[in-house]
Amino acid sequence: MTITALPDPSTPFGERVRTRLRDERLIWWTTVGADGTPQPNPVWFLQDDDGILIYNRQDAHRLNHIRERPQVSLNFDAASDGGDIVVLRGRARQLEDQPLPHENPAYLEKYAEAMVEVSGSPEEFSAVYFVPVRIEITRVRGF
């Protein structure tokens, strides 16, 4: 399955969205708490044909948020002049059948060095951040 909500790759905006999804290392993921307050968190992510994959700690509050309120948003930092805005909207769900971060070749390629810096090794990182969430992108906007 391919993310169909992404803008046309032949347009400048569509190309920019794909480049940022491929190259950026951090994205802001916003869930909504029980009291209705948006809860943005900077997270590592991997874009693939099925959506956005994010590994989480088992005790992350956002896991409770998405069980009750699966509608989420993702956005990248803006450029220093306020441009290059990309906001994605989607539906999040916890996965059961995803490999651990250190067993996911694409994730390991993107974050291996950072996993060592954060946790000492990719395996130790996976021992803490082992709960996978997939976000199905339903809409993209920006300029």
N, C-alpha and C. Protein backbone atom coordinates (compact mmCIF):
# COMPACT_ATOMS: atom_id res chain seq x y z
N MET A 1 0.85 -1.17 0.00
CA MET A 1 0.00 0.00 0.00
C MET A 1 0.89 1.23 0.00
N THR A 2 0.53 2.24 -0.76
CA THR A 2 1.29 3.48 -0.84
C THR A 2 0.49 4.60 -0.18
N ILE A 3 1.21 5.52 0.44
CA ILE A 3 0.53 6.66 1.05
C ILE A 3 -0.09 7.49 -0.07
N THR A 4 -1.40 7.48 -0.17
CA THR A 4 -2.08 8.17 -1.26
C THR A 4 -2.38 9.63 -0.92
N ALA A 5 -2.28 10.01 0.33
CA ALA A 5 -2.59 11.39 0.72
C ALA A 5 -1.45 12.35 0.45
N LEU A 6 -0.28 11.84 0.09
CA LEU A 6 0.85 12.74 -0.20
C LEU A 6 0.57 13.52 -1.47
N PRO A 7 1.03 14.78 -1.53
CA PRO A 7 0.81 15.57 -2.74
C PRO A 7 1.58 15.01 -3.93
N ASP A 8 1.15 15.37 -5.09
CA ASP A 8 1.74 14.91 -6.35
C ASP A 8 3.25 15.16 -6.34
N PRO A 9 4.06 14.11 -6.53
CA PRO A 9 5.52 14.27 -6.46
C PRO A 9 6.09 15.13 -7.59
N SER A 10 5.31 15.38 -8.63
CA SER A 10 5.81 16.21 -9.73
C SER A 10 5.68 17.71 -9.42
N THR A 11 5.03 18.06 -8.31
CA THR A 11 4.90 19.46 -7.91
C THR A 11 6.03 19.81 -6.95
N PRO A 12 6.40 21.07 -6.87
CA PRO A 12 7.45 21.45 -5.91
C PRO A 12 7.10 21.08 -4.47
N PHE A 13 5.85 21.30 -4.08
CA PHE A 13 5.45 20.95 -2.71
C PHE A 13 5.49 19.44 -2.49
N GLY A 14 5.00 18.69 -3.45
CA GLY A 14 5.01 17.23 -3.33
C GLY A 14 6.43 16.68 -3.21
N GLU A 15 7.35 17.22 -4.00
CA GLU A 15 8.74 16.79 -3.92
C GLU A 15 9.35 17.16 -2.57
N ARG A 16 9.04 18.37 -2.09
CA ARG A 16 9.56 18.82 -0.79
C ARG A 16 9.07 17.95 0.35
N VAL A 17 7.78 17.58 0.32
CA VAL A 17 7.23 16.71 1.36
C VAL A 17 7.97 15.38 1.37
N ARG A 18 8.15 14.78 0.22
CA ARG A 18 8.85 13.49 0.14
C ARG A 18 10.32 13.60 0.58
N THR A 19 10.97 14.69 0.20
CA THR A 19 12.36 14.88 0.62
C THR A 19 12.46 14.99 2.13
N ARG A 20 11.57 15.74 2.72
CA ARG A 20 11.62 15.90 4.18
C ARG A 20 11.28 14.59 4.88
N LEU A 21 10.30 13.86 4.38
CA LEU A 21 9.98 12.57 4.98
C LEU A 21 11.16 11.60 4.88
N ARG A 22 11.91 11.68 3.82
CA ARG A 22 13.06 10.80 3.64
C ARG A 22 14.27 11.25 4.46
N ASP A 23 14.54 12.55 4.48
CA ASP A 23 15.80 13.04 5.02
C ASP A 23 15.77 13.56 6.45
N GLU A 24 14.65 14.07 6.90
CA GLU A 24 14.58 14.62 8.26
C GLU A 24 14.73 13.51 9.28
N ARG A 25 15.34 13.81 10.40
CA ARG A 25 15.53 12.83 11.46
C ARG A 25 14.54 13.01 12.60
N LEU A 26 13.87 14.14 12.64
CA LEU A 26 12.96 14.46 13.73
C LEU A 26 11.68 15.04 13.17
N ILE A 27 10.56 14.62 13.75
CA ILE A 27 9.26 15.17 13.39
C ILE A 27 8.50 15.40 14.69
N TRP A 28 7.66 16.41 14.72
CA TRP A 28 6.82 16.67 15.90
C TRP A 28 5.51 15.91 15.74
N TRP A 29 5.22 15.05 16.71
CA TRP A 29 4.01 14.24 16.71
C TRP A 29 3.10 14.80 17.79
N THR A 30 1.89 15.20 17.41
CA THR A 30 0.95 15.77 18.36
C THR A 30 -0.23 14.82 18.54
N THR A 31 -0.39 14.39 19.78
CA THR A 31 -1.56 13.62 20.20
C THR A 31 -2.41 14.54 21.07
N VAL A 32 -3.57 14.06 21.50
CA VAL A 32 -4.45 14.88 22.34
C VAL A 32 -4.70 14.14 23.64
N GLY A 33 -4.39 14.82 24.75
CA GLY A 33 -4.57 14.24 26.08
C GLY A 33 -6.04 14.12 26.45
N ALA A 34 -6.31 13.43 27.56
CA ALA A 34 -7.68 13.20 28.02
C ALA A 34 -8.43 14.50 28.29
N ASP A 35 -7.71 15.55 28.67
CA ASP A 35 -8.36 16.84 28.95
C ASP A 35 -8.51 17.71 27.70
N GLY A 36 -8.14 17.17 26.53
CA GLY A 36 -8.28 17.90 25.28
C GLY A 36 -7.08 18.75 24.91
N THR A 37 -6.03 18.70 25.72
CA THR A 37 -4.84 19.50 25.45
C THR A 37 -3.94 18.81 24.43
N PRO A 38 -3.56 19.51 23.36
CA PRO A 38 -2.60 18.93 22.40
C PRO A 38 -1.27 18.67 23.10
N GLN A 39 -0.65 17.54 22.78
CA GLN A 39 0.60 17.13 23.41
C GLN A 39 1.65 16.86 22.33
N PRO A 40 2.40 17.90 21.89
CA PRO A 40 3.43 17.68 20.88
C PRO A 40 4.69 17.07 21.48
N ASN A 41 5.29 16.14 20.74
CA ASN A 41 6.54 15.50 21.15
C ASN A 41 7.45 15.34 19.94
N PRO A 42 8.72 15.69 20.08
CA PRO A 42 9.66 15.42 18.98
C PRO A 42 10.01 13.95 19.00
N VAL A 43 9.93 13.29 17.84
CA VAL A 43 10.18 11.85 17.78
C VAL A 43 10.99 11.50 16.53
N TRP A 44 11.69 10.38 16.62
CA TRP A 44 12.31 9.78 15.45
C TRP A 44 11.22 9.04 14.69
N PHE A 45 11.37 8.92 13.39
CA PHE A 45 10.32 8.31 12.59
C PHE A 45 10.92 7.68 11.35
N LEU A 46 10.13 6.83 10.75
CA LEU A 46 10.50 6.22 9.49
C LEU A 46 9.28 6.25 8.59
N GLN A 47 9.43 6.83 7.41
CA GLN A 47 8.34 6.83 6.44
C GLN A 47 8.53 5.63 5.53
N ASP A 48 7.45 4.89 5.32
CA ASP A 48 7.47 3.80 4.36
C ASP A 48 6.16 3.85 3.58
N ASP A 49 5.94 2.88 2.74
CA ASP A 49 4.74 2.89 1.90
C ASP A 49 3.43 2.87 2.68
N ASP A 50 3.48 2.36 3.90
CA ASP A 50 2.27 2.24 4.69
C ASP A 50 1.99 3.45 5.57
N GLY A 51 2.92 4.35 5.71
CA GLY A 51 2.71 5.52 6.56
C GLY A 51 3.98 5.90 7.31
N ILE A 52 3.79 6.33 8.54
CA ILE A 52 4.89 6.76 9.39
C ILE A 52 4.98 5.79 10.57
N LEU A 53 6.19 5.28 10.80
CA LEU A 53 6.43 4.36 11.91
C LEU A 53 7.21 5.09 12.99
N ILE A 54 6.74 4.98 14.23
CA ILE A 54 7.40 5.59 15.37
C ILE A 54 7.49 4.55 16.48
N TYR A 55 8.69 4.37 17.02
CA TYR A 55 8.87 3.47 18.17
C TYR A 55 8.78 4.29 19.45
N ASN A 56 8.17 3.70 20.47
CA ASN A 56 7.88 4.40 21.70
C ASN A 56 8.28 3.58 22.93
N ARG A 57 8.45 4.32 24.03
CA ARG A 57 8.60 3.67 25.32
C ARG A 57 7.24 3.08 25.71
N GLN A 58 7.24 2.01 26.45
CA GLN A 58 6.00 1.38 26.88
C GLN A 58 5.17 2.32 27.77
N ASP A 59 5.83 3.22 28.50
CA ASP A 59 5.13 4.10 29.42
C ASP A 59 4.81 5.48 28.82
N ALA A 60 4.97 5.64 27.52
CA ALA A 60 4.69 6.93 26.87
C ALA A 60 3.19 7.24 26.94
N HIS A 61 2.85 8.41 27.45
CA HIS A 61 1.44 8.80 27.57
C HIS A 61 0.74 8.83 26.21
N ARG A 62 1.49 9.11 25.16
CA ARG A 62 0.86 9.19 23.84
C ARG A 62 0.22 7.87 23.42
N LEU A 63 0.70 6.75 23.96
CA LEU A 63 0.07 5.47 23.63
C LEU A 63 -1.36 5.42 24.17
N ASN A 64 -1.56 5.94 25.38
CA ASN A 64 -2.92 6.03 25.92
C ASN A 64 -3.75 7.02 25.11
N HIS A 65 -3.14 8.12 24.71
CA HIS A 65 -3.87 9.13 23.93
C HIS A 65 -4.44 8.53 22.65
N ILE A 66 -3.61 7.77 21.91
CA ILE A 66 -4.07 7.28 20.61
C ILE A 66 -5.10 6.16 20.74
N ARG A 67 -5.11 5.47 21.86
CA ARG A 67 -6.15 4.45 22.05
C ARG A 67 -7.53 5.08 22.09
N GLU A 68 -7.62 6.24 22.73
CA GLU A 68 -8.90 6.94 22.88
C GLU A 68 -9.16 7.94 21.75
N ARG A 69 -8.08 8.56 21.26
CA ARG A 69 -8.19 9.61 20.25
C ARG A 69 -7.11 9.39 19.19
N PRO A 70 -7.36 8.53 18.22
CA PRO A 70 -6.32 8.15 17.26
C PRO A 70 -5.98 9.22 16.22
N GLN A 71 -6.77 10.28 16.12
CA GLN A 71 -6.46 11.35 15.16
C GLN A 71 -5.27 12.14 15.69
N VAL A 72 -4.22 12.24 14.87
CA VAL A 72 -2.99 12.91 15.29
C VAL A 72 -2.50 13.83 14.17
N SER A 73 -1.52 14.64 14.50
CA SER A 73 -0.84 15.42 13.47
C SER A 73 0.66 15.28 13.65
N LEU A 74 1.36 15.53 12.56
CA LEU A 74 2.82 15.51 12.53
C LEU A 74 3.25 16.77 11.79
N ASN A 75 4.35 17.37 12.23
CA ASN A 75 4.88 18.50 11.48
C ASN A 75 6.38 18.60 11.67
N PHE A 76 7.01 19.20 10.67
CA PHE A 76 8.43 19.47 10.71
C PHE A 76 8.65 20.89 11.21
N ASP A 77 9.84 21.15 11.72
CA ASP A 77 10.21 22.53 12.05
C ASP A 77 10.16 23.36 10.78
N ALA A 78 9.78 24.62 10.93
CA ALA A 78 9.77 25.55 9.80
C ALA A 78 11.18 26.04 9.52
N ALA A 79 11.38 26.56 8.34
CA ALA A 79 12.65 27.21 8.02
C ALA A 79 12.78 28.47 8.86
N SER A 80 13.97 29.02 8.96
CA SER A 80 14.21 30.20 9.80
C SER A 80 13.39 31.41 9.36
N ASP A 81 12.97 31.45 8.09
CA ASP A 81 12.15 32.57 7.62
C ASP A 81 10.65 32.30 7.77
N GLY A 82 10.30 31.17 8.39
CA GLY A 82 8.90 30.83 8.60
C GLY A 82 8.29 30.03 7.47
N GLY A 83 9.06 29.71 6.45
CA GLY A 83 8.55 28.93 5.33
C GLY A 83 8.83 27.45 5.49
N ASP A 84 8.65 26.72 4.42
CA ASP A 84 8.87 25.28 4.36
C ASP A 84 7.99 24.54 5.38
N ILE A 85 6.73 24.90 5.39
CA ILE A 85 5.77 24.31 6.32
C ILE A 85 5.21 23.02 5.73
N VAL A 86 5.27 21.94 6.53
CA VAL A 86 4.66 20.66 6.16
C VAL A 86 3.95 20.13 7.40
N VAL A 87 2.63 19.96 7.29
CA VAL A 87 1.82 19.41 8.36
C VAL A 87 1.07 18.22 7.80
N LEU A 88 1.18 17.09 8.50
CA LEU A 88 0.50 15.87 8.09
C LEU A 88 -0.55 15.52 9.13
N ARG A 89 -1.67 15.04 8.67
CA ARG A 89 -2.73 14.59 9.57
C ARG A 89 -2.92 13.11 9.34
N GLY A 90 -3.26 12.38 10.39
CA GLY A 90 -3.44 10.96 10.21
C GLY A 90 -4.10 10.28 11.39
N ARG A 91 -4.12 8.97 11.28
CA ARG A 91 -4.75 8.11 12.28
C ARG A 91 -3.68 7.15 12.78
N ALA A 92 -3.47 7.13 14.10
CA ALA A 92 -2.42 6.32 14.71
C ALA A 92 -3.00 5.05 15.31
N ARG A 93 -2.19 3.98 15.21
CA ARG A 93 -2.57 2.72 15.87
C ARG A 93 -1.30 1.98 16.27
N GLN A 94 -1.39 1.34 17.41
CA GLN A 94 -0.27 0.54 17.88
C GLN A 94 -0.22 -0.75 17.08
N LEU A 95 0.99 -1.18 16.73
CA LEU A 95 1.18 -2.39 15.94
C LEU A 95 1.62 -3.54 16.83
N GLU A 96 1.33 -4.74 16.38
CA GLU A 96 1.76 -5.94 17.10
C GLU A 96 2.83 -6.70 16.33
N ASP A 97 2.91 -6.50 15.03
CA ASP A 97 3.72 -7.37 14.18
C ASP A 97 4.92 -6.67 13.54
N GLN A 98 5.50 -5.72 14.24
CA GLN A 98 6.62 -4.94 13.70
C GLN A 98 7.92 -5.42 14.35
N PRO A 99 9.01 -5.51 13.59
CA PRO A 99 10.28 -5.87 14.21
C PRO A 99 10.74 -4.78 15.18
N LEU A 100 11.60 -5.15 16.10
CA LEU A 100 12.19 -4.17 17.01
C LEU A 100 13.03 -3.17 16.22
N PRO A 101 13.28 -1.99 16.76
CA PRO A 101 14.04 -0.99 16.01
C PRO A 101 15.38 -1.51 15.46
N HIS A 102 16.12 -2.26 16.26
CA HIS A 102 17.43 -2.72 15.80
C HIS A 102 17.32 -3.86 14.78
N GLU A 103 16.11 -4.42 14.61
CA GLU A 103 15.87 -5.48 13.62
C GLU A 103 15.20 -4.94 12.35
N ASN A 104 14.94 -3.65 12.33
CA ASN A 104 14.31 -3.00 11.19
C ASN A 104 15.43 -2.33 10.38
N PRO A 105 15.83 -2.91 9.24
CA PRO A 105 16.99 -2.42 8.50
C PRO A 105 16.93 -0.92 8.15
N ALA A 106 15.79 -0.44 7.71
CA ALA A 106 15.68 0.98 7.32
C ALA A 106 15.80 1.89 8.54
N TYR A 107 15.18 1.51 9.64
CA TYR A 107 15.26 2.30 10.86
C TYR A 107 16.68 2.29 11.40
N LEU A 108 17.31 1.12 11.38
CA LEU A 108 18.67 1.00 11.86
C LEU A 108 19.62 1.84 11.01
N GLU A 109 19.43 1.83 9.70
CA GLU A 109 20.28 2.63 8.82
C GLU A 109 20.16 4.12 9.15
N LYS A 110 18.94 4.56 9.42
CA LYS A 110 18.70 5.98 9.68
C LYS A 110 19.19 6.42 11.07
N TYR A 111 19.06 5.54 12.08
CA TYR A 111 19.28 5.97 13.46
C TYR A 111 20.34 5.20 14.24
N ALA A 112 21.10 4.32 13.64
CA ALA A 112 22.04 3.48 14.39
C ALA A 112 22.98 4.30 15.28
N GLU A 113 23.61 5.32 14.72
CA GLU A 113 24.53 6.14 15.52
C GLU A 113 23.82 6.81 16.68
N ALA A 114 22.66 7.36 16.42
CA ALA A 114 21.89 8.04 17.47
C ALA A 114 21.43 7.06 18.54
N MET A 115 21.09 5.83 18.13
CA MET A 115 20.68 4.81 19.10
C MET A 115 21.82 4.50 20.06
N VAL A 116 23.04 4.46 19.54
CA VAL A 116 24.21 4.24 20.39
C VAL A 116 24.39 5.42 21.35
N GLU A 117 24.26 6.64 20.85
CA GLU A 117 24.41 7.83 21.69
C GLU A 117 23.38 7.87 22.81
N VAL A 118 22.14 7.50 22.50
CA VAL A 118 21.06 7.58 23.47
C VAL A 118 21.09 6.43 24.48
N SER A 119 21.38 5.23 23.99
CA SER A 119 21.21 4.04 24.84
C SER A 119 22.44 3.15 24.97
N GLY A 120 23.48 3.42 24.25
CA GLY A 120 24.68 2.59 24.34
C GLY A 120 24.82 1.60 23.20
N SER A 121 23.70 1.13 22.66
CA SER A 121 23.71 0.21 21.52
C SER A 121 22.31 0.17 20.92
N PRO A 122 22.19 -0.27 19.67
CA PRO A 122 20.85 -0.42 19.09
C PRO A 122 19.99 -1.42 19.86
N GLU A 123 20.59 -2.48 20.36
CA GLU A 123 19.82 -3.47 21.12
C GLU A 123 19.29 -2.88 22.43
N GLU A 124 20.12 -2.08 23.10
CA GLU A 124 19.67 -1.44 24.34
C GLU A 124 18.58 -0.40 24.06
N PHE A 125 18.70 0.30 22.94
CA PHE A 125 17.65 1.22 22.53
C PHE A 125 16.33 0.46 22.36
N SER A 126 16.40 -0.68 21.67
CA SER A 126 15.20 -1.48 21.41
C SER A 126 14.58 -2.04 22.68
N ALA A 127 15.39 -2.22 23.72
CA ALA A 127 14.86 -2.71 24.99
C ALA A 127 13.97 -1.67 25.66
N VAL A 128 14.15 -0.40 25.32
CA VAL A 128 13.37 0.68 25.92
C VAL A 128 12.29 1.19 24.96
N TYR A 129 12.63 1.36 23.69
CA TYR A 129 11.71 1.91 22.68
C TYR A 129 11.25 0.79 21.77
N PHE A 130 10.39 -0.05 22.28
CA PHE A 130 10.00 -1.25 21.53
C PHE A 130 8.54 -1.28 21.11
N VAL A 131 7.78 -0.24 21.41
CA VAL A 131 6.35 -0.24 21.08
C VAL A 131 6.14 0.52 19.77
N PRO A 132 5.82 -0.19 18.68
CA PRO A 132 5.66 0.47 17.39
C PRO A 132 4.25 1.04 17.20
N VAL A 133 4.22 2.22 16.61
CA VAL A 133 2.96 2.86 16.22
C VAL A 133 3.07 3.24 14.76
N ARG A 134 2.03 2.97 14.02
CA ARG A 134 1.94 3.35 12.61
C ARG A 134 0.91 4.47 12.51
N ILE A 135 1.28 5.50 11.76
CA ILE A 135 0.35 6.58 11.49
C ILE A 135 0.02 6.55 10.00
N GLU A 136 -1.25 6.34 9.72
CA GLU A 136 -1.74 6.38 8.34
C GLU A 136 -2.02 7.83 8.00
N ILE A 137 -1.30 8.35 7.03
CA ILE A 137 -1.45 9.76 6.65
C ILE A 137 -2.74 9.92 5.84
N THR A 138 -3.58 10.88 6.26
CA THR A 138 -4.84 11.10 5.58
C THR A 138 -4.90 12.45 4.88
N ARG A 139 -4.01 13.36 5.27
CA ARG A 139 -4.03 14.69 4.64
C ARG A 139 -2.68 15.37 4.87
N VAL A 140 -2.27 16.17 3.90
CA VAL A 140 -1.03 16.93 3.99
C VAL A 140 -1.33 18.36 3.58
N ARG A 141 -0.79 19.30 4.33
CA ARG A 141 -0.92 20.70 3.94
C ARG A 141 0.38 21.42 4.23
N GLY A 142 0.53 22.58 3.67
CA GLY A 142 1.73 23.37 3.90
C GLY A 142 1.98 24.33 2.76
N PHE A 143 3.14 24.95 2.86
CA PHE A 143 3.55 25.90 1.81
C PHE A 143 5.05 26.06 1.86
